[in-house]
Amino acid sequence: MAWWIPFNKLRDRQTRYINEMLKSVREDNKTVYWVQGFAGTGKTTVLANLAVKLRADRKSLGVQERYCFITYTNAMKELIKKTFVAENKGFINIQTHTKFLRDNLIYDFVFLDEVQDISPSDLNRIKSLSKFLFIAGDCEQSIYEGSAKEHQIDNIFKPNKLFFTEILRLTKSMRDLAKNILPNSKINEGSPENTYGDNTPLIIDFDNEASELNWVAENSHQRAAPGSPSCILFTHHSNIKSFFYQIYTSNNISPPGPFEHIDLKDFSTRLDYKQVNGYFKYHKLPYRYLGNNDGELNESDRQPIVYIMTYHSSKGLDFDTVYVPQLNSSKQIVFKYVLEKYPELDQRLLFVAVTRSRKDLFLTYSGKHPHKFISDLPNGSYEKIENPHLVDDDENDDWDVF
């Protein structure tokens, strides 16, 4: 989760763009700047470094100024907050956009991440509460109903656009896979510069869902390390219920209260994740739900943790190792009635999920056929494995995950 990169270690284009925005403020130019780029190009890192540099630049003026960094999800808010605290940068207020709008306070400098996820009306309000405004986002990753389109963002802010093409997170194979899932994406135009090399995503077929979920639970645990948590992404909260129940039964411990009288296929109710996370801690199991103000990113600094999230909650985050299970041919990534209103939303959500990994990506399913979005991928963008429990570690040194 250590995404923060100090200013003196940023890429040339990143420092050049930050210096351009600093110069604009010095000249009292209120033009909005929009940091754009494909998934994994370091947009949030640039926004955060800009805030730090601006604070240092303005501190010599001896004036009291207010700074706010706005995120869309609570999970991302916690990551940003964790990073600024670790870097001893306590000058900035970090909020979700809904909290920012509720407070209705004017700030001198506002840094808005994931701009494409916010409605036009909310963007106008954020603009009215900002003296200087800097935004970041990628409209290809838009996954929320009613969020602003690129032309609407342009009309509201009339921004100067600074575009990054160097993809620092994704390997080339991951980029190719993402492009195949969302063909309209221009992500293939970016240059992959991931320092891990070109780890190829694995698509793994299991005989049944119980075997699949047990393997994902065990393998994600094995690969997690202090400072490098694993992450498992699910489409719906009912799938998380099923996964958690599988963990309890496979570990031969009685499930907590939330599971005693619950329909695992009920999409209308969610678990009490604070209670569930507490139960995991009590039984010394490494799994934690992260999202909606539940779960703590700091916990993974001290011990191996596997974070369980929805595709939505993972937005903006990245991990060394990511698992995307249950990609069966019958899988509904988005409910049909929602998809009828917002075509491509299922593709965009899976696009977000498969672009969360810095190093290793595992896509799993059970049954005869995988989901249509991963059933016809280009050669070289993945490797497929069947019956992973049959792989012999001694004869397959490359498959140390098994």
Protein backbone atom coordinates (compact mmCIF):
# COMPACT_ATOMS: atom_id res chain seq x y z
CA MET A 1 0.00 0.00 0.00
CA ALA A 2 3.06 2.27 -0.01
CA TRP A 3 1.97 4.35 -2.99
CA TRP A 4 3.52 7.59 -1.73
CA ILE A 5 6.61 8.68 -3.68
CA PRO A 6 8.59 11.72 -2.47
CA PHE A 7 8.86 14.65 -4.86
CA ASN A 8 12.55 14.08 -5.53
CA LYS A 9 11.81 10.55 -6.77
CA LEU A 10 8.94 11.37 -9.12
CA ARG A 11 9.20 10.97 -12.89
CA ASP A 12 10.25 13.98 -14.99
CA ARG A 13 6.77 14.53 -16.38
CA GLN A 14 5.26 14.40 -12.90
CA THR A 15 7.62 17.02 -11.47
CA ARG A 16 7.20 19.19 -14.57
CA TYR A 17 3.42 19.20 -14.22
CA ILE A 18 3.59 19.92 -10.48
CA ASN A 19 5.90 22.85 -11.12
CA GLU A 20 3.51 24.15 -13.78
CA MET A 21 0.63 24.11 -11.30
CA LEU A 22 2.78 25.76 -8.62
CA LYS A 23 3.67 28.54 -11.03
CA SER A 24 -0.01 29.06 -11.83
CA VAL A 25 -0.82 29.58 -8.13
CA ARG A 26 2.10 31.98 -7.69
CA GLU A 27 0.65 34.03 -10.52
CA ASP A 28 -2.76 33.93 -8.80
CA ASN A 29 -4.22 32.10 -11.79
CA LYS A 30 -7.50 30.47 -10.71
CA THR A 31 -7.58 28.09 -13.69
CA VAL A 32 -8.57 24.56 -12.68
CA TYR A 33 -6.00 21.90 -13.57
CA TRP A 34 -7.14 18.36 -14.41
CA VAL A 35 -4.54 15.62 -13.92
CA GLN A 36 -5.55 12.86 -16.32
CA GLY A 37 -4.11 9.46 -17.16
CA PHE A 38 -4.85 5.78 -17.51
CA ALA A 39 -5.28 3.46 -14.53
CA GLY A 40 -1.99 3.23 -12.64
CA THR A 41 -0.34 6.40 -13.94
CA GLY A 42 0.12 7.97 -10.51
CA LYS A 43 -2.53 10.68 -10.65
CA THR A 44 -3.24 10.57 -6.91
CA THR A 45 0.47 10.64 -6.11
CA VAL A 46 0.85 13.81 -8.16
CA LEU A 47 -2.14 15.45 -6.48
CA ALA A 48 -0.79 14.61 -3.02
CA ASN A 49 2.71 15.84 -3.82
CA LEU A 50 1.27 19.04 -5.24
CA ALA A 51 -0.51 19.67 -1.94
CA VAL A 52 2.71 19.19 0.01
CA LYS A 53 4.73 21.43 -2.31
CA LEU A 54 2.05 24.12 -2.28
CA ARG A 55 1.95 24.14 1.51
CA ALA A 56 5.74 24.55 1.70
CA ASP A 57 5.65 27.23 -0.98
CA ARG A 58 2.91 29.25 0.70
CA LYS A 59 4.07 28.85 4.28
CA SER A 60 6.70 31.56 3.82
CA LEU A 61 3.91 34.06 3.09
CA GLY A 62 2.82 33.90 6.70
CA VAL A 63 -0.90 33.68 5.89
CA GLN A 64 -3.41 31.20 7.26
CA GLU A 65 -4.82 29.05 4.47
CA ARG A 66 -7.09 26.03 4.42
CA TYR A 67 -6.32 22.84 2.47
CA CYS A 68 -8.63 19.92 1.73
CA PHE A 69 -8.05 16.64 -0.12
CA ILE A 70 -11.32 15.09 -1.34
CA THR A 71 -11.78 11.40 -2.15
CA TYR A 72 -14.85 9.48 -3.24
CA THR A 73 -14.64 6.32 -1.09
CA ASN A 74 -13.96 5.96 2.62
CA ALA A 75 -11.27 3.36 1.91
CA MET A 76 -9.38 5.84 -0.25
CA LYS A 77 -9.84 8.53 2.38
CA GLU A 78 -8.20 6.30 4.97
CA LEU A 79 -5.28 5.57 2.63
CA ILE A 80 -4.67 9.26 1.94
CA LYS A 81 -4.96 10.10 5.63
CA LYS A 82 -2.61 7.27 6.58
CA THR A 83 -0.04 8.51 4.09
CA PHE A 84 -0.13 12.16 5.12
CA VAL A 85 0.20 11.17 8.78
CA ALA A 86 3.14 8.88 7.99
CA GLU A 87 4.81 11.72 6.09
CA ASN A 88 4.16 14.13 9.01
CA LYS A 89 1.96 16.28 6.81
CA GLY A 90 -0.87 17.16 9.15
CA PHE A 91 -1.78 20.46 7.54
CA ILE A 92 -4.53 19.11 5.28
CA ASN A 93 -8.12 18.08 5.88
CA ILE A 94 -9.00 14.79 4.18
CA GLN A 95 -12.66 14.06 3.49
CA THR A 96 -15.05 12.22 1.26
CA HIS A 97 -16.87 14.52 -1.12
CA THR A 98 -20.18 13.98 0.70
CA LYS A 99 -18.66 15.14 4.02
CA PHE A 100 -17.01 18.08 2.26
CA LEU A 101 -20.37 19.21 0.88
CA ARG A 102 -22.15 18.72 4.20
CA ASP A 103 -19.61 20.93 5.98
CA ASN A 104 -20.12 23.63 3.32
CA LEU A 105 -16.84 25.39 4.16
CA ILE A 106 -14.70 27.40 1.76
CA TYR A 107 -11.09 26.24 1.30
CA ASP A 108 -8.16 28.06 -0.26
CA PHE A 109 -6.85 24.89 -1.92
CA VAL A 110 -8.92 21.84 -2.81
CA PHE A 111 -7.52 18.66 -4.34
CA LEU A 112 -10.30 16.48 -5.77
CA ASP A 113 -9.50 12.88 -6.70
CA GLU A 114 -11.68 10.58 -8.86
CA VAL A 115 -13.53 13.55 -10.33
CA GLN A 116 -15.33 11.31 -12.83
CA ASP A 117 -17.32 9.63 -10.03
CA ILE A 118 -19.11 12.78 -8.87
CA SER A 119 -22.35 14.23 -10.20
CA PRO A 120 -22.36 17.53 -12.14
CA SER A 121 -24.39 19.27 -9.43
CA ASP A 122 -21.91 18.22 -6.73
CA LEU A 123 -18.98 19.31 -8.90
CA ASN A 124 -20.51 22.76 -9.22
CA ARG A 125 -20.85 22.98 -5.45
CA ILE A 126 -17.26 21.86 -4.90
CA LYS A 127 -16.13 24.51 -7.36
CA SER A 128 -18.03 27.21 -5.44
CA LEU A 129 -16.26 26.20 -2.20
CA SER A 130 -12.75 26.29 -3.68
CA LYS A 131 -10.48 29.26 -4.33
CA PHE A 132 -7.89 27.12 -6.10
CA LEU A 133 -9.01 23.73 -7.36
CA PHE A 134 -7.00 20.80 -8.73
CA ILE A 135 -8.74 17.66 -9.93
CA ALA A 136 -7.62 14.19 -10.99
CA GLY A 137 -9.44 11.32 -12.64
CA ASP A 138 -9.96 9.03 -15.59
CA CYS A 139 -13.38 8.92 -17.24
CA GLU A 140 -12.72 5.39 -18.50
CA GLN A 141 -13.02 4.28 -14.87
CA SER A 142 -16.39 5.91 -14.27
CA ILE A 143 -18.60 3.36 -12.46
CA TYR A 144 -21.28 5.31 -10.61
CA GLU A 145 -24.78 6.17 -11.70
CA GLY A 146 -25.29 9.85 -12.38
CA SER A 147 -21.58 10.70 -12.39
CA ALA A 148 -20.29 13.44 -14.68
CA LYS A 149 -19.22 12.76 -18.26
CA GLU A 150 -16.01 14.26 -19.59
CA HIS A 151 -17.79 16.97 -21.56
CA GLN A 152 -19.72 17.96 -18.42
CA ILE A 153 -16.50 18.20 -16.40
CA ASP A 154 -15.04 20.33 -19.20
CA ASN A 155 -18.07 22.64 -19.19
CA ILE A 156 -18.05 23.06 -15.41
CA PHE A 157 -14.33 23.69 -14.89
CA LYS A 158 -12.89 24.62 -18.31
CA PRO A 159 -9.67 23.00 -17.06
CA ASN A 160 -6.12 22.87 -18.27
CA LYS A 161 -5.48 19.16 -18.85
CA LEU A 162 -2.23 17.46 -17.92
CA PHE A 163 -2.13 13.91 -19.28
CA PHE A 164 0.08 11.05 -18.08
CA THR A 165 0.82 8.14 -20.40
CA GLU A 166 3.38 6.23 -18.32
CA ILE A 167 1.55 3.37 -16.58
CA LEU A 168 3.49 2.76 -13.38
CA ARG A 169 1.28 0.07 -11.83
CA LEU A 170 0.06 -2.35 -14.48
CA THR A 171 2.18 -4.82 -16.39
CA LYS A 172 1.79 -4.96 -20.16
CA SER A 173 -0.26 -8.17 -19.90
CA MET A 174 -2.59 -6.60 -17.36
CA ARG A 175 -3.03 -3.59 -19.62
CA ASP A 176 -3.86 -5.87 -22.57
CA LEU A 177 -6.36 -7.81 -20.47
CA ALA A 178 -8.03 -4.59 -19.29
CA LYS A 179 -8.27 -3.34 -22.86
CA ASN A 180 -9.98 -6.57 -23.92
CA ILE A 181 -12.55 -6.25 -21.12
CA LEU A 182 -13.30 -2.63 -22.04
CA PRO A 183 -12.58 -2.36 -25.80
CA ASN A 184 -13.40 1.36 -25.90
CA SER A 185 -10.58 2.06 -23.46
CA LYS A 186 -7.46 3.79 -24.74
CA ILE A 187 -5.30 2.19 -22.06
CA ASN A 188 -3.25 0.37 -24.71
CA GLU A 189 -1.89 3.77 -25.78
CA GLY A 190 -0.05 4.09 -22.48
CA SER A 191 3.49 2.85 -21.99
CA PRO A 192 3.79 0.16 -19.27
CA GLU A 193 6.65 1.00 -16.91
CA ASN A 194 5.90 -1.32 -13.99
CA THR A 195 9.22 -2.16 -12.30
CA TYR A 196 8.00 -5.65 -11.37
CA GLY A 197 8.35 -6.78 -14.98
CA ASP A 198 5.50 -8.37 -16.91
CA ASN A 199 3.75 -10.79 -14.60
CA THR A 200 0.98 -12.46 -16.58
CA PRO A 201 -2.51 -12.65 -15.03
CA LEU A 202 -3.65 -16.19 -14.26
CA ILE A 203 -7.13 -17.51 -15.03
CA ILE A 204 -7.82 -20.52 -12.84
CA ASP A 205 -10.65 -23.04 -13.27
CA PHE A 206 -12.01 -25.04 -10.31
CA ASP A 207 -14.38 -28.01 -10.15
CA ASN A 208 -16.73 -26.27 -7.73
CA GLU A 209 -17.16 -22.99 -5.88
CA ALA A 210 -16.18 -24.39 -2.47
CA SER A 211 -12.78 -25.48 -3.84
CA GLU A 212 -12.38 -22.13 -5.56
CA LEU A 213 -13.12 -20.04 -2.47
CA ASN A 214 -10.97 -22.25 -0.22
CA TRP A 215 -8.04 -21.88 -2.61
CA VAL A 216 -8.48 -18.11 -2.86
CA ALA A 217 -8.68 -17.82 0.94
CA GLU A 218 -5.57 -19.94 1.52
CA ASN A 219 -3.47 -18.55 -1.32
CA SER A 220 -4.24 -14.92 -0.50
CA HIS A 221 -3.18 -15.62 3.08
CA GLN A 222 0.09 -17.21 1.96
CA ARG A 223 0.95 -14.25 -0.25
CA ALA A 224 0.11 -11.52 2.27
CA ALA A 225 2.99 -10.02 4.23
CA PRO A 226 3.43 -7.10 6.65
CA GLY A 227 3.28 -3.96 4.54
CA SER A 228 2.00 -5.91 1.53
CA PRO A 229 -1.61 -7.05 2.04
CA SER A 230 -3.48 -9.19 -0.45
CA CYS A 231 -6.91 -8.17 -1.69
CA ILE A 232 -9.95 -10.19 -2.82
CA LEU A 233 -12.61 -8.35 -4.81
CA PHE A 234 -16.29 -9.32 -5.01
CA THR A 235 -19.15 -7.85 -6.98
CA HIS A 236 -21.84 -7.91 -4.29
CA HIS A 237 -22.12 -8.07 -0.52
CA SER A 238 -23.97 -11.38 -0.75
CA ASN A 239 -20.84 -12.88 -2.35
CA ILE A 240 -18.80 -11.58 0.56
CA LYS A 241 -21.26 -13.28 2.93
CA SER A 242 -20.75 -16.59 1.14
CA PHE A 243 -16.98 -16.21 1.21
CA PHE A 244 -16.87 -15.39 4.90
CA TYR A 245 -19.14 -18.32 5.66
CA GLN A 246 -16.78 -20.56 3.69
CA ILE A 247 -13.85 -19.33 5.79
CA TYR A 248 -15.64 -20.14 9.04
CA THR A 249 -16.68 -23.63 7.95
CA SER A 250 -13.28 -24.51 6.49
CA ASN A 251 -11.58 -23.42 9.74
CA ASN A 252 -14.01 -25.47 11.85
CA ILE A 253 -15.13 -22.53 13.96
CA SER A 254 -18.68 -21.57 14.68
CA PRO A 255 -19.85 -18.53 12.69
CA PRO A 256 -20.61 -15.31 14.57
CA GLY A 257 -24.04 -13.90 15.24
CA PRO A 258 -24.52 -12.27 11.80
CA PHE A 259 -24.52 -15.72 10.16
CA GLU A 260 -26.89 -17.58 12.46
CA HIS A 261 -30.12 -16.64 10.72
CA ILE A 262 -29.09 -15.05 7.45
CA ASP A 263 -29.83 -15.71 3.82
CA LEU A 264 -26.47 -15.71 2.05
CA LYS A 265 -28.20 -14.87 -1.23
CA ASP A 266 -30.04 -11.88 0.19
CA PHE A 267 -28.72 -8.81 -1.62
CA SER A 268 -30.82 -6.40 0.44
CA THR A 269 -28.92 -6.74 3.74
CA ARG A 270 -25.27 -6.41 4.66
CA LEU A 271 -23.30 -7.97 7.44
CA ASP A 272 -22.24 -6.03 10.50
CA TYR A 273 -18.67 -5.80 9.28
CA LYS A 274 -17.34 -4.33 12.53
CA GLN A 275 -18.60 -7.43 14.32
CA VAL A 276 -17.28 -9.74 11.61
CA ASN A 277 -13.83 -8.10 11.59
CA GLY A 278 -13.74 -8.37 15.38
CA TYR A 279 -14.55 -12.06 15.09
CA PHE A 280 -11.69 -12.57 12.65
CA LYS A 281 -9.31 -10.87 15.06
CA TYR A 282 -10.53 -12.99 17.97
CA HIS A 283 -9.87 -16.19 16.04
CA LYS A 284 -6.55 -14.86 14.69
CA LEU A 285 -7.64 -15.14 11.09
CA PRO A 286 -6.03 -12.63 8.69
CA TYR A 287 -9.17 -11.56 6.79
CA ARG A 288 -10.73 -8.11 7.09
CA TYR A 289 -13.53 -6.36 5.26
CA LEU A 290 -12.41 -2.92 4.06
CA GLY A 291 -14.84 -0.21 3.02
CA ASN A 292 -17.68 1.99 4.28
CA ASN A 293 -15.61 3.05 7.32
CA ASP A 294 -14.89 -0.56 8.31
CA GLY A 295 -11.40 -2.04 8.40
CA GLU A 296 -8.06 -0.34 9.01
CA LEU A 297 -5.24 -0.03 6.49
CA ASN A 298 -2.76 0.53 9.31
CA GLU A 299 -3.34 -3.00 10.52
CA SER A 300 -1.59 -4.44 7.46
CA ASP A 301 1.62 -2.56 8.33
CA ARG A 302 2.22 -4.89 11.27
CA GLN A 303 0.94 -8.27 10.09
CA PRO A 304 -0.19 -10.17 6.99
CA ILE A 305 -3.74 -9.11 6.15
CA VAL A 306 -6.13 -10.10 3.36
CA TYR A 307 -8.58 -7.32 2.60
CA ILE A 308 -12.03 -8.22 1.30
CA MET A 309 -13.68 -5.51 -0.78
CA THR A 310 -16.27 -4.85 -3.44
CA TYR A 311 -15.18 -3.68 -6.88
CA HIS A 312 -16.64 -0.27 -6.01
CA SER A 313 -14.76 0.13 -2.73
CA SER A 314 -11.43 -0.77 -4.32
CA LYS A 315 -11.57 2.27 -6.57
CA GLY A 316 -8.31 4.22 -6.39
CA LEU A 317 -6.47 1.59 -4.34
CA ASP A 318 -3.83 -0.90 -5.46
CA PHE A 319 -2.20 -4.00 -4.01
CA ASP A 320 0.69 -6.28 -4.95
CA THR A 321 -1.64 -9.28 -5.20
CA VAL A 322 -5.30 -9.18 -6.23
CA TYR A 323 -7.88 -11.98 -6.58
CA VAL A 324 -11.10 -11.62 -8.55
CA PRO A 325 -13.14 -14.81 -7.93
CA GLN A 326 -16.51 -16.17 -9.07
CA LEU A 327 -16.11 -15.14 -12.71
CA ASN A 328 -18.44 -17.88 -13.93
CA SER A 329 -20.29 -17.65 -17.22
CA SER A 330 -23.55 -16.98 -15.34
CA LYS A 331 -22.07 -14.22 -13.17
CA GLN A 332 -24.03 -10.95 -13.00
CA ILE A 333 -21.46 -8.27 -12.32
CA VAL A 334 -24.25 -5.70 -12.44
CA PHE A 335 -27.94 -6.45 -11.98
CA LYS A 336 -29.79 -6.61 -15.27
CA TYR A 337 -32.14 -3.71 -14.52
CA VAL A 338 -29.14 -1.47 -13.77
CA LEU A 339 -27.29 -2.60 -16.88
CA GLU A 340 -30.28 -1.74 -19.05
CA LYS A 341 -30.00 1.85 -17.83
CA TYR A 342 -26.19 2.04 -17.81
CA PRO A 343 -24.70 -0.13 -20.60
CA GLU A 344 -21.03 -1.04 -20.19
CA LEU A 345 -21.22 -0.61 -16.41
CA ASP A 346 -20.37 -4.29 -15.88
CA GLN A 347 -17.34 -3.93 -18.17
CA ARG A 348 -16.23 -0.78 -16.41
CA LEU A 349 -16.51 -2.41 -12.99
CA LEU A 350 -14.45 -5.43 -14.03
CA PHE A 351 -12.00 -3.05 -15.72
CA VAL A 352 -11.54 -1.32 -12.35
CA ALA A 353 -11.13 -4.65 -10.54
CA VAL A 354 -8.43 -6.03 -12.85
CA THR A 355 -6.44 -2.79 -12.75
CA ARG A 356 -5.93 -2.82 -8.97
CA SER A 357 -2.85 -5.09 -9.03
CA ARG A 358 0.79 -3.98 -9.11
CA LYS A 359 2.26 -7.46 -9.43
CA ASP A 360 0.03 -10.55 -9.45
CA LEU A 361 -3.56 -10.93 -10.62
CA PHE A 362 -5.66 -14.08 -10.24
CA LEU A 363 -9.03 -14.45 -11.98
CA THR A 364 -10.91 -17.56 -10.85
CA TYR A 365 -14.12 -19.38 -11.68
CA SER A 366 -15.78 -22.77 -11.24
CA GLY A 367 -17.69 -24.74 -13.83
CA LYS A 368 -17.33 -25.36 -17.55
CA HIS A 369 -17.03 -21.82 -18.82
CA PRO A 370 -15.66 -18.50 -17.53
CA HIS A 371 -17.41 -15.16 -17.79
CA LYS A 372 -17.74 -13.81 -21.33
CA PHE A 373 -15.39 -10.91 -20.55
CA ILE A 374 -12.49 -13.31 -19.95
CA SER A 375 -13.50 -16.18 -22.26
CA ASP A 376 -11.89 -14.83 -25.43
CA LEU A 377 -8.74 -12.97 -24.45
CA PRO A 378 -5.77 -12.32 -26.76
CA ASN A 379 -2.81 -14.68 -26.60
CA GLY A 380 -0.15 -13.48 -24.20
CA SER A 381 -2.50 -11.49 -21.98
CA TYR A 382 -3.09 -14.39 -19.56
CA GLU A 383 -2.27 -17.98 -18.69
CA LYS A 384 -4.93 -20.51 -17.82
CA ILE A 385 -4.64 -23.24 -15.21
CA GLU A 386 -7.04 -26.06 -14.47
CA ASN A 387 -7.17 -28.10 -11.25
CA PRO A 388 -4.48 -26.09 -9.42
CA HIS A 389 -4.49 -28.55 -6.52
CA LEU A 390 -2.87 -31.09 -8.89
CA VAL A 391 0.20 -28.93 -9.58
CA ASP A 392 3.42 -30.33 -8.09
CA ASP A 393 5.58 -27.61 -6.55
CA ASP A 394 8.78 -29.59 -7.06
CA GLU A 395 8.20 -29.94 -10.79
CA ASN A 396 6.77 -26.48 -11.36
CA ASP A 397 9.06 -23.99 -9.66
CA ASP A 398 7.33 -21.08 -11.39
CA TRP A 399 4.02 -21.97 -9.75
CA ASP A 400 5.07 -21.41 -6.17
CA VAL A 401 1.56 -20.07 -5.50
CA PHE A 402 0.22 -23.59 -5.51
